[in-house]
Amino acid sequence: MQLDFAFQSALAKYRILSNTITPRPIAWVSSTNDEGVVNLAPFSFFGVVSSSPPIFSLCFGAKSDGSPKDTLANLRATKKATINLVMVDAIPMLEQSASELESTKSEASTFGIPLKALDASYPPIVEGVKVAYFCELREVLDFGGAERTALLEAKSCYIDDVIYKDDLRFMPPHLGRVGKYYLQVSELIDPKI
């Protein structure tokens, strides 16, 4: 079956991509607005674009009323965000933080999600995460549809001492998305070529 994207609805395109480009890593992004309110939101359309400099992409839809999502509005205002990588035990909090709240309300405060300030220059990390990236906005791309893609440059990262190795060959407990489901990646396959 060959499907022409020109004749597919936005939902059909989303379903095709979200079920075939897998597992998709999840960015749990903390950002702050001008008043210092911490926004916390999950993104599964997230990926690495470049390693040097370290650049990530985040894909944004709109709120139900058509306005920009709080994370995108905050990025445009402050130019900073922290990308937290999600672990399986955080799924209930992650799901709660996907709720659409007013921009004056913090998902972390509303749902009791503990945060921890590591770098005063950036939004806090979610307490207990093993990996986080402290990022600055490089650019917001508009491809002509309803979505926007932000490019974020990681300026530094946090790696929990529990998983850190000096040779940098550590493996955090990865969690990704396959369609609407979560997948915990736990087995490594050595290609031995």
N, C-alpha and C. Protein backbone atom coordinates (compact mmCIF):
# COMPACT_ATOMS: atom_id res chain seq x y z
N MET A 1 0.86 -1.18 0.00
CA MET A 1 0.00 0.00 0.00
C MET A 1 0.89 1.23 0.00
N GLN A 2 0.72 2.08 -0.97
CA GLN A 2 1.42 3.36 -1.00
C GLN A 2 0.39 4.45 -0.73
N LEU A 3 0.68 5.28 0.28
CA LEU A 3 -0.24 6.34 0.67
C LEU A 3 0.36 7.69 0.31
N ASP A 4 -0.36 8.47 -0.44
CA ASP A 4 0.08 9.80 -0.84
C ASP A 4 -0.31 10.78 0.28
N PHE A 5 0.69 11.39 0.91
CA PHE A 5 0.42 12.31 2.02
C PHE A 5 -0.42 13.51 1.59
N ALA A 6 -0.40 13.85 0.32
CA ALA A 6 -1.20 14.98 -0.15
C ALA A 6 -2.70 14.73 0.04
N PHE A 7 -3.08 13.45 0.14
CA PHE A 7 -4.49 13.10 0.27
C PHE A 7 -4.84 12.54 1.65
N GLN A 8 -3.94 12.70 2.61
CA GLN A 8 -4.17 12.21 3.96
C GLN A 8 -4.52 13.38 4.89
N SER A 9 -5.42 13.14 5.82
CA SER A 9 -5.76 14.17 6.81
C SER A 9 -4.59 14.35 7.77
N ALA A 10 -4.62 15.42 8.54
CA ALA A 10 -3.57 15.65 9.54
C ALA A 10 -3.54 14.50 10.53
N LEU A 11 -4.71 14.00 10.94
CA LEU A 11 -4.77 12.88 11.87
C LEU A 11 -4.18 11.61 11.26
N ALA A 12 -4.48 11.35 10.00
CA ALA A 12 -3.94 10.16 9.33
C ALA A 12 -2.42 10.24 9.25
N LYS A 13 -1.90 11.40 8.89
CA LYS A 13 -0.44 11.57 8.82
C LYS A 13 0.19 11.34 10.19
N TYR A 14 -0.44 11.90 11.22
CA TYR A 14 0.07 11.71 12.59
C TYR A 14 0.09 10.23 12.96
N ARG A 15 -0.99 9.53 12.68
CA ARG A 15 -1.06 8.11 13.05
C ARG A 15 -0.02 7.28 12.30
N ILE A 16 0.16 7.57 11.02
CA ILE A 16 1.17 6.83 10.24
C ILE A 16 2.55 7.06 10.84
N LEU A 17 2.89 8.32 11.07
CA LEU A 17 4.22 8.63 11.60
C LEU A 17 4.41 8.10 13.01
N SER A 18 3.41 8.28 13.88
CA SER A 18 3.58 7.88 15.28
C SER A 18 3.62 6.37 15.47
N ASN A 19 3.12 5.62 14.50
CA ASN A 19 3.16 4.16 14.60
C ASN A 19 4.31 3.52 13.83
N THR A 20 5.02 4.31 13.04
CA THR A 20 6.12 3.73 12.25
C THR A 20 7.50 4.26 12.63
N ILE A 21 7.60 5.48 13.09
CA ILE A 21 8.88 6.03 13.53
C ILE A 21 8.94 5.78 15.03
N THR A 22 9.47 4.61 15.39
CA THR A 22 9.40 4.17 16.78
C THR A 22 10.67 3.48 17.23
N PRO A 23 10.93 3.36 18.52
CA PRO A 23 10.21 4.11 19.55
C PRO A 23 10.64 5.57 19.53
N ARG A 24 9.69 6.46 19.73
CA ARG A 24 9.99 7.89 19.77
C ARG A 24 10.37 8.27 21.19
N PRO A 25 11.50 8.92 21.37
CA PRO A 25 11.85 9.36 22.73
C PRO A 25 10.87 10.44 23.19
N ILE A 26 10.76 10.58 24.49
CA ILE A 26 9.84 11.57 25.05
C ILE A 26 10.65 12.66 25.75
N ALA A 27 10.39 13.89 25.35
CA ALA A 27 10.99 15.04 26.04
C ALA A 27 9.94 15.57 27.01
N TRP A 28 10.28 15.61 28.28
CA TRP A 28 9.39 16.20 29.29
C TRP A 28 9.97 17.58 29.55
N VAL A 29 9.39 18.59 28.95
CA VAL A 29 10.01 19.91 28.89
C VAL A 29 9.49 20.83 29.99
N SER A 30 10.43 21.39 30.74
CA SER A 30 10.07 22.42 31.72
C SER A 30 10.50 23.77 31.15
N SER A 31 9.61 24.73 31.26
CA SER A 31 9.88 26.09 30.80
C SER A 31 9.20 27.04 31.78
N THR A 32 9.55 28.30 31.72
CA THR A 32 8.92 29.29 32.60
C THR A 32 8.40 30.46 31.78
N ASN A 33 7.31 31.04 32.25
CA ASN A 33 6.83 32.24 31.57
C ASN A 33 7.48 33.47 32.21
N ASP A 34 7.11 34.65 31.76
CA ASP A 34 7.72 35.89 32.27
C ASP A 34 7.48 36.11 33.76
N GLU A 35 6.42 35.50 34.30
CA GLU A 35 6.11 35.64 35.73
C GLU A 35 6.77 34.55 36.57
N GLY A 36 7.52 33.65 35.93
CA GLY A 36 8.20 32.58 36.66
C GLY A 36 7.38 31.33 36.89
N VAL A 37 6.19 31.25 36.29
CA VAL A 37 5.35 30.05 36.42
C VAL A 37 5.99 28.93 35.60
N VAL A 38 6.21 27.78 36.23
CA VAL A 38 6.84 26.64 35.55
C VAL A 38 5.79 25.84 34.79
N ASN A 39 6.00 25.70 33.49
CA ASN A 39 5.17 24.85 32.65
C ASN A 39 5.91 23.53 32.47
N LEU A 40 5.19 22.43 32.50
CA LEU A 40 5.78 21.11 32.33
C LEU A 40 4.92 20.35 31.34
N ALA A 41 5.51 19.94 30.21
CA ALA A 41 4.71 19.29 29.16
C ALA A 41 5.52 18.22 28.44
N PRO A 42 4.86 17.10 28.09
CA PRO A 42 5.55 16.03 27.36
C PRO A 42 5.46 16.23 25.84
N PHE A 43 6.51 15.80 25.15
CA PHE A 43 6.57 15.87 23.69
C PHE A 43 7.13 14.56 23.16
N SER A 44 6.37 13.87 22.31
CA SER A 44 6.90 12.64 21.71
C SER A 44 7.34 12.87 20.27
N PHE A 45 7.06 14.03 19.71
CA PHE A 45 7.64 14.39 18.42
C PHE A 45 8.86 15.25 18.75
N PHE A 46 9.94 14.56 19.11
CA PHE A 46 11.15 15.15 19.66
C PHE A 46 12.32 14.32 19.15
N GLY A 47 13.41 14.97 18.81
CA GLY A 47 14.57 14.20 18.37
C GLY A 47 15.84 15.02 18.33
N VAL A 48 16.95 14.31 18.13
CA VAL A 48 18.26 14.94 17.99
C VAL A 48 18.44 15.30 16.52
N VAL A 49 18.84 16.54 16.26
CA VAL A 49 19.07 17.01 14.90
C VAL A 49 20.56 17.06 14.60
N SER A 50 21.36 17.36 15.62
CA SER A 50 22.81 17.50 15.45
C SER A 50 23.49 17.19 16.77
N SER A 51 24.71 16.61 16.70
CA SER A 51 25.45 16.34 17.94
C SER A 51 26.48 17.43 18.25
N SER A 52 26.92 18.14 17.23
CA SER A 52 27.91 19.20 17.46
C SER A 52 27.65 20.36 16.52
N PRO A 53 26.93 21.38 16.99
CA PRO A 53 26.42 21.58 18.34
C PRO A 53 25.23 20.65 18.62
N PRO A 54 24.99 20.34 19.91
CA PRO A 54 23.86 19.47 20.25
C PRO A 54 22.53 20.21 20.09
N ILE A 55 21.78 19.81 19.05
CA ILE A 55 20.51 20.47 18.72
C ILE A 55 19.38 19.45 18.78
N PHE A 56 18.28 19.83 19.42
CA PHE A 56 17.08 19.01 19.50
C PHE A 56 15.95 19.71 18.74
N SER A 57 15.00 18.92 18.26
CA SER A 57 13.79 19.48 17.67
C SER A 57 12.60 19.10 18.55
N LEU A 58 11.67 20.03 18.69
CA LEU A 58 10.41 19.80 19.40
C LEU A 58 9.29 20.24 18.46
N CYS A 59 8.31 19.38 18.26
CA CYS A 59 7.19 19.71 17.38
C CYS A 59 5.98 20.11 18.22
N PHE A 60 5.41 21.26 17.88
CA PHE A 60 4.28 21.82 18.64
C PHE A 60 3.02 21.86 17.80
N GLY A 61 1.93 21.37 18.37
CA GLY A 61 0.62 21.64 17.82
C GLY A 61 0.11 22.90 18.51
N ALA A 62 -1.17 23.14 18.45
CA ALA A 62 -1.76 24.31 19.11
C ALA A 62 -2.67 23.83 20.24
N LYS A 63 -3.01 24.75 21.14
CA LYS A 63 -4.01 24.46 22.17
C LYS A 63 -5.36 24.25 21.50
N SER A 64 -6.32 23.75 22.27
CA SER A 64 -7.65 23.49 21.71
C SER A 64 -8.33 24.75 21.17
N ASP A 65 -7.94 25.93 21.70
CA ASP A 65 -8.53 27.18 21.20
C ASP A 65 -7.73 27.77 20.04
N GLY A 66 -6.68 27.06 19.59
CA GLY A 66 -5.87 27.52 18.46
C GLY A 66 -4.68 28.36 18.84
N SER A 67 -4.56 28.74 20.10
CA SER A 67 -3.42 29.55 20.55
C SER A 67 -2.18 28.67 20.71
N PRO A 68 -0.98 29.30 20.74
CA PRO A 68 0.25 28.52 20.91
C PRO A 68 0.28 27.81 22.26
N LYS A 69 0.88 26.63 22.28
CA LYS A 69 1.06 25.91 23.54
C LYS A 69 1.96 26.73 24.45
N ASP A 70 1.79 26.56 25.76
CA ASP A 70 2.54 27.35 26.74
C ASP A 70 4.05 27.19 26.57
N THR A 71 4.52 25.97 26.29
CA THR A 71 5.96 25.76 26.14
C THR A 71 6.51 26.61 25.01
N LEU A 72 5.82 26.66 23.88
CA LEU A 72 6.29 27.46 22.75
C LEU A 72 6.24 28.95 23.10
N ALA A 73 5.17 29.40 23.73
CA ALA A 73 5.07 30.81 24.14
C ALA A 73 6.20 31.15 25.11
N ASN A 74 6.48 30.25 26.05
CA ASN A 74 7.56 30.48 27.02
C ASN A 74 8.92 30.51 26.35
N LEU A 75 9.15 29.60 25.40
CA LEU A 75 10.42 29.59 24.67
C LEU A 75 10.62 30.89 23.91
N ARG A 76 9.57 31.36 23.28
CA ARG A 76 9.69 32.63 22.54
C ARG A 76 9.98 33.79 23.49
N ALA A 77 9.42 33.74 24.70
CA ALA A 77 9.60 34.84 25.66
C ALA A 77 10.94 34.78 26.38
N THR A 78 11.35 33.60 26.84
CA THR A 78 12.55 33.49 27.69
C THR A 78 13.75 32.90 26.98
N LYS A 79 13.50 32.20 25.85
CA LYS A 79 14.55 31.55 25.05
C LYS A 79 15.19 30.35 25.74
N LYS A 80 14.60 29.84 26.84
CA LYS A 80 15.22 28.73 27.57
C LYS A 80 14.20 27.65 27.93
N ALA A 81 14.71 26.41 28.00
CA ALA A 81 13.89 25.27 28.44
C ALA A 81 14.82 24.18 28.93
N THR A 82 14.28 23.28 29.73
CA THR A 82 15.02 22.11 30.19
C THR A 82 14.29 20.87 29.70
N ILE A 83 15.02 20.01 29.00
CA ILE A 83 14.46 18.75 28.50
C ILE A 83 14.81 17.65 29.49
N ASN A 84 13.79 17.07 30.10
CA ASN A 84 13.94 15.94 31.02
C ASN A 84 13.62 14.67 30.25
N LEU A 85 14.45 13.63 30.40
CA LEU A 85 14.14 12.35 29.78
C LEU A 85 13.37 11.50 30.78
N VAL A 86 12.31 10.89 30.31
CA VAL A 86 11.32 10.25 31.17
C VAL A 86 11.68 8.81 31.51
N MET A 87 11.35 8.42 32.74
CA MET A 87 11.50 7.04 33.19
C MET A 87 10.12 6.44 33.41
N VAL A 88 10.04 5.12 33.39
CA VAL A 88 8.75 4.43 33.44
C VAL A 88 7.94 4.77 34.69
N ASP A 89 8.60 4.97 35.83
CA ASP A 89 7.85 5.25 37.05
C ASP A 89 7.22 6.64 37.06
N ALA A 90 7.58 7.47 36.09
CA ALA A 90 7.03 8.83 36.02
C ALA A 90 5.84 8.94 35.07
N ILE A 91 5.42 7.84 34.45
CA ILE A 91 4.33 7.90 33.47
C ILE A 91 3.06 8.55 34.03
N PRO A 92 2.60 8.21 35.24
CA PRO A 92 1.37 8.86 35.73
C PRO A 92 1.51 10.39 35.81
N MET A 93 2.67 10.88 36.29
CA MET A 93 2.88 12.33 36.36
C MET A 93 3.00 12.93 34.96
N LEU A 94 3.66 12.22 34.07
CA LEU A 94 3.81 12.66 32.69
C LEU A 94 2.44 12.84 32.05
N GLU A 95 1.56 11.86 32.24
CA GLU A 95 0.21 11.93 31.68
C GLU A 95 -0.56 13.11 32.25
N GLN A 96 -0.44 13.35 33.56
CA GLN A 96 -1.13 14.49 34.17
C GLN A 96 -0.62 15.80 33.58
N SER A 97 0.69 15.89 33.36
CA SER A 97 1.26 17.15 32.86
C SER A 97 0.87 17.44 31.42
N ALA A 98 0.28 16.47 30.74
CA ALA A 98 -0.20 16.71 29.37
C ALA A 98 -1.53 17.46 29.36
N SER A 99 -2.13 17.66 30.53
CA SER A 99 -3.40 18.38 30.63
C SER A 99 -3.23 19.83 30.18
N GLU A 100 -4.26 20.35 29.55
CA GLU A 100 -4.21 21.74 29.10
C GLU A 100 -4.70 22.65 30.23
N LEU A 101 -3.77 23.39 30.82
CA LEU A 101 -4.09 24.33 31.90
C LEU A 101 -3.93 25.76 31.40
N GLU A 102 -4.47 26.70 32.16
CA GLU A 102 -4.22 28.11 31.86
C GLU A 102 -2.73 28.38 32.02
N SER A 103 -2.20 29.33 31.27
CA SER A 103 -0.76 29.61 31.32
C SER A 103 -0.32 30.17 32.67
N THR A 104 -1.27 30.59 33.49
CA THR A 104 -0.93 31.10 34.83
C THR A 104 -0.83 29.99 35.86
N LYS A 105 -1.13 28.74 35.46
CA LYS A 105 -1.07 27.60 36.37
C LYS A 105 0.07 26.67 35.98
N SER A 106 0.77 26.19 36.98
CA SER A 106 1.88 25.26 36.77
C SER A 106 1.38 23.82 36.87
N GLU A 107 1.74 23.00 35.88
CA GLU A 107 1.41 21.57 35.94
C GLU A 107 2.09 20.93 37.14
N ALA A 108 3.32 21.34 37.42
CA ALA A 108 4.07 20.77 38.55
C ALA A 108 3.34 21.05 39.86
N SER A 109 2.92 22.29 40.08
CA SER A 109 2.19 22.64 41.31
C SER A 109 0.81 22.00 41.35
N THR A 110 0.10 22.06 40.24
CA THR A 110 -1.26 21.53 40.19
C THR A 110 -1.31 20.03 40.48
N PHE A 111 -0.34 19.28 39.95
CA PHE A 111 -0.37 17.82 40.08
C PHE A 111 0.65 17.29 41.08
N GLY A 112 1.33 18.18 41.82
CA GLY A 112 2.28 17.74 42.83
C GLY A 112 3.51 17.05 42.26
N ILE A 113 3.97 17.50 41.12
CA ILE A 113 5.16 16.92 40.49
C ILE A 113 6.38 17.64 41.05
N PRO A 114 7.25 16.94 41.77
CA PRO A 114 8.39 17.61 42.41
C PRO A 114 9.45 18.05 41.40
N LEU A 115 9.91 19.28 41.59
CA LEU A 115 10.95 19.85 40.73
C LEU A 115 12.19 20.12 41.56
N LYS A 116 13.31 20.26 40.87
CA LYS A 116 14.58 20.53 41.55
C LYS A 116 15.39 21.50 40.69
N ALA A 117 15.80 22.61 41.29
CA ALA A 117 16.62 23.59 40.57
C ALA A 117 18.08 23.15 40.61
N LEU A 118 18.66 22.96 39.44
CA LEU A 118 20.08 22.59 39.36
C LEU A 118 20.93 23.73 38.84
N ASP A 119 20.36 24.49 37.91
CA ASP A 119 21.07 25.60 37.28
C ASP A 119 20.11 26.79 37.29
N ALA A 120 20.45 27.82 38.03
CA ALA A 120 19.56 28.97 38.19
C ALA A 120 19.26 29.68 36.87
N SER A 121 20.08 29.43 35.84
CA SER A 121 19.88 30.07 34.54
C SER A 121 18.79 29.39 33.71
N TYR A 122 18.34 28.20 34.14
CA TYR A 122 17.40 27.42 33.35
C TYR A 122 16.24 26.94 34.21
N PRO A 123 15.12 26.55 33.57
CA PRO A 123 14.01 25.98 34.34
C PRO A 123 14.46 24.72 35.09
N PRO A 124 13.76 24.37 36.17
CA PRO A 124 14.16 23.22 36.99
C PRO A 124 13.96 21.89 36.26
N ILE A 125 14.63 20.85 36.79
CA ILE A 125 14.41 19.50 36.29
C ILE A 125 13.30 18.86 37.11
N VAL A 126 12.75 17.77 36.60
CA VAL A 126 11.81 16.97 37.37
C VAL A 126 12.65 16.12 38.31
N GLU A 127 12.32 16.19 39.59
CA GLU A 127 13.08 15.44 40.58
C GLU A 127 13.05 13.94 40.25
N GLY A 128 14.22 13.31 40.29
CA GLY A 128 14.31 11.88 40.04
C GLY A 128 14.69 11.49 38.62
N VAL A 129 14.66 12.44 37.67
CA VAL A 129 15.08 12.07 36.31
C VAL A 129 16.57 11.76 36.32
N LYS A 130 16.98 10.92 35.38
CA LYS A 130 18.39 10.52 35.31
C LYS A 130 19.18 11.37 34.32
N VAL A 131 18.48 11.99 33.35
CA VAL A 131 19.14 12.81 32.34
C VAL A 131 18.28 14.03 32.04
N ALA A 132 18.93 15.19 31.94
CA ALA A 132 18.23 16.43 31.55
C ALA A 132 19.20 17.30 30.76
N TYR A 133 18.65 18.07 29.83
CA TYR A 133 19.44 18.98 29.00
C TYR A 133 18.95 20.40 29.22
N PHE A 134 19.89 21.31 29.43
CA PHE A 134 19.59 22.72 29.63
C PHE A 134 19.79 23.42 28.29
N CYS A 135 18.69 23.93 27.73
CA CYS A 135 18.69 24.36 26.33
C CYS A 135 18.30 25.82 26.13
N GLU A 136 18.76 26.34 25.00
CA GLU A 136 18.38 27.68 24.54
C GLU A 136 17.75 27.56 23.16
N LEU A 137 16.74 28.39 22.93
CA LEU A 137 16.04 28.39 21.65
C LEU A 137 16.95 28.94 20.56
N ARG A 138 17.09 28.20 19.47
CA ARG A 138 17.83 28.69 18.31
C ARG A 138 16.88 29.30 17.29
N GLU A 139 15.77 28.59 17.04
CA GLU A 139 14.90 29.00 15.95
C GLU A 139 13.56 28.28 16.05
N VAL A 140 12.51 28.93 15.55
CA VAL A 140 11.20 28.28 15.41
C VAL A 140 10.90 28.21 13.92
N LEU A 141 10.65 27.00 13.44
CA LEU A 141 10.38 26.77 12.02
C LEU A 141 8.89 26.64 11.78
N ASP A 142 8.43 27.22 10.68
CA ASP A 142 7.03 27.15 10.29
C ASP A 142 6.99 26.51 8.91
N PHE A 143 6.43 25.31 8.82
CA PHE A 143 6.39 24.59 7.55
C PHE A 143 5.07 24.80 6.80
N GLY A 144 4.26 25.73 7.29
CA GLY A 144 3.04 26.07 6.58
C GLY A 144 1.78 25.38 7.08
N GLY A 145 1.90 24.42 7.97
CA GLY A 145 0.72 23.76 8.54
C GLY A 145 0.38 24.37 9.88
N ALA A 146 -0.34 23.63 10.68
CA ALA A 146 -0.75 24.12 12.01
C ALA A 146 0.35 23.96 13.04
N GLU A 147 1.36 23.16 12.72
CA GLU A 147 2.41 22.88 13.70
C GLU A 147 3.62 23.79 13.51
N ARG A 148 4.40 23.91 14.59
CA ARG A 148 5.67 24.64 14.57
C ARG A 148 6.73 23.70 15.12
N THR A 149 7.95 23.87 14.67
CA THR A 149 9.06 23.07 15.18
C THR A 149 10.10 24.02 15.75
N ALA A 150 10.47 23.80 17.00
CA ALA A 150 11.50 24.61 17.65
C ALA A 150 12.81 23.83 17.64
N LEU A 151 13.88 24.53 17.35
CA LEU A 151 15.22 23.95 17.45
C LEU A 151 15.86 24.50 18.71
N LEU A 152 16.29 23.59 19.59
CA LEU A 152 16.88 23.97 20.87
C LEU A 152 18.31 23.47 20.93
N GLU A 153 19.21 24.33 21.39
CA GLU A 153 20.60 23.93 21.54
C GLU A 153 20.88 23.64 23.01
N ALA A 154 21.38 22.44 23.28
CA ALA A 154 21.75 22.07 24.65
C ALA A 154 23.06 22.76 25.00
N LYS A 155 23.05 23.52 26.08
CA LYS A 155 24.25 24.22 26.54
C LYS A 155 24.98 23.41 27.60
N SER A 156 24.24 22.56 28.32
CA SER A 156 24.85 21.65 29.30
C SER A 156 23.85 20.54 29.57
N CYS A 157 24.30 19.52 30.27
CA CYS A 157 23.39 18.43 30.61
C CYS A 157 23.66 17.93 32.02
N TYR A 158 22.65 17.29 32.57
CA TYR A 158 22.74 16.65 33.87
C TYR A 158 22.62 15.16 33.64
N ILE A 159 23.54 14.39 34.21
CA ILE A 159 23.47 12.93 34.17
C ILE A 159 23.63 12.46 35.61
N ASP A 160 22.64 11.74 36.11
CA ASP A 160 22.66 11.27 37.49
C ASP A 160 23.90 10.41 37.72
N ASP A 161 24.54 10.62 38.87
CA ASP A 161 25.73 9.85 39.22
C ASP A 161 25.47 8.34 39.25
N VAL A 162 24.24 7.94 39.48
CA VAL A 162 23.89 6.51 39.53
C VAL A 162 24.15 5.83 38.19
N ILE A 163 23.98 6.54 37.07
CA ILE A 163 24.18 5.93 35.75
C ILE A 163 25.43 6.42 35.04
N TYR A 164 26.01 7.53 35.50
CA TYR A 164 27.16 8.13 34.81
C TYR A 164 28.37 7.20 34.82
N LYS A 165 29.07 7.13 33.68
CA LYS A 165 30.33 6.39 33.55
C LYS A 165 31.33 7.32 32.88
N ASP A 166 32.58 7.26 33.33
CA ASP A 166 33.61 8.14 32.77
C ASP A 166 33.81 7.96 31.27
N ASP A 167 33.59 6.74 30.76
CA ASP A 167 33.76 6.51 29.32
C ASP A 167 32.54 6.96 28.51
N LEU A 168 31.53 7.49 29.19
CA LEU A 168 30.28 8.00 28.60
C LEU A 168 29.45 6.92 27.91
N ARG A 169 29.69 5.66 28.23
CA ARG A 169 28.91 4.55 27.67
C ARG A 169 27.90 4.05 28.71
N PHE A 170 27.04 4.95 29.12
CA PHE A 170 26.02 4.62 30.11
C PHE A 170 24.68 4.48 29.39
N MET A 171 23.77 3.80 30.04
CA MET A 171 22.44 3.62 29.44
C MET A 171 21.37 3.96 30.46
N PRO A 172 20.76 5.14 30.31
CA PRO A 172 19.65 5.46 31.19
C PRO A 172 18.46 4.55 30.87
N PRO A 173 17.54 4.41 31.81
CA PRO A 173 16.35 3.59 31.54
C PRO A 173 15.44 4.31 30.55
N HIS A 174 15.54 3.97 29.28
CA HIS A 174 14.82 4.66 28.21
C HIS A 174 13.34 4.32 28.20
N LEU A 175 12.56 5.33 27.87
CA LEU A 175 11.12 5.17 27.68
C LEU A 175 10.76 5.89 26.40
N GLY A 176 9.98 5.26 25.56
CA GLY A 176 9.58 5.87 24.30
C GLY A 176 8.12 5.64 24.01
N ARG A 177 7.68 6.13 22.86
CA ARG A 177 6.29 5.96 22.43
C ARG A 177 6.25 5.13 21.16
N VAL A 178 5.26 4.27 21.09
CA VAL A 178 4.91 3.54 19.87
C VAL A 178 3.41 3.74 19.73
N GLY A 179 3.03 4.60 18.77
CA GLY A 179 1.62 4.96 18.67
C GLY A 179 1.18 5.63 19.95
N LYS A 180 0.10 5.15 20.56
CA LYS A 180 -0.39 5.73 21.81
C LYS A 180 0.19 5.05 23.04
N TYR A 181 1.01 4.01 22.82
CA TYR A 181 1.55 3.22 23.92
C TYR A 181 2.95 3.68 24.31
N TYR A 182 3.35 3.30 25.53
CA TYR A 182 4.72 3.54 25.98
C TYR A 182 5.52 2.25 25.82
N LEU A 183 6.82 2.40 25.63
CA LEU A 183 7.71 1.26 25.48
C LEU A 183 8.95 1.51 26.31
N GLN A 184 9.28 0.57 27.18
CA GLN A 184 10.52 0.68 27.94
C GLN A 184 11.58 -0.12 27.19
N VAL A 185 12.65 0.57 26.81
CA VAL A 185 13.74 -0.07 26.08
C VAL A 185 14.71 -0.64 27.10
N SER A 186 14.91 -1.96 27.05
CA SER A 186 15.75 -2.57 28.08
C SER A 186 16.80 -3.53 27.55
N GLU A 187 16.72 -3.94 26.31
CA GLU A 187 17.68 -4.90 25.80
C GLU A 187 18.57 -4.26 24.74
N LEU A 188 19.87 -4.42 24.90
CA LEU A 188 20.82 -3.95 23.90
C LEU A 188 21.26 -5.13 23.05
N ILE A 189 21.41 -4.90 21.77
CA ILE A 189 21.88 -5.95 20.86
C ILE A 189 23.22 -5.50 20.30
N ASP A 190 24.26 -6.27 20.55
CA ASP A 190 25.61 -5.96 20.08
C ASP A 190 25.75 -6.50 18.66
N PRO A 191 26.02 -5.63 17.66
CA PRO A 191 26.08 -6.09 16.28
C PRO A 191 27.30 -6.97 15.97
N LYS A 192 28.37 -6.89 16.73
CA LYS A 192 29.59 -7.71 16.56
C LYS A 192 29.93 -7.93 15.10
N ILE A 193 30.22 -6.88 14.42
CA ILE A 193 30.59 -6.97 13.00
C ILE A 193 32.09 -7.09 12.88
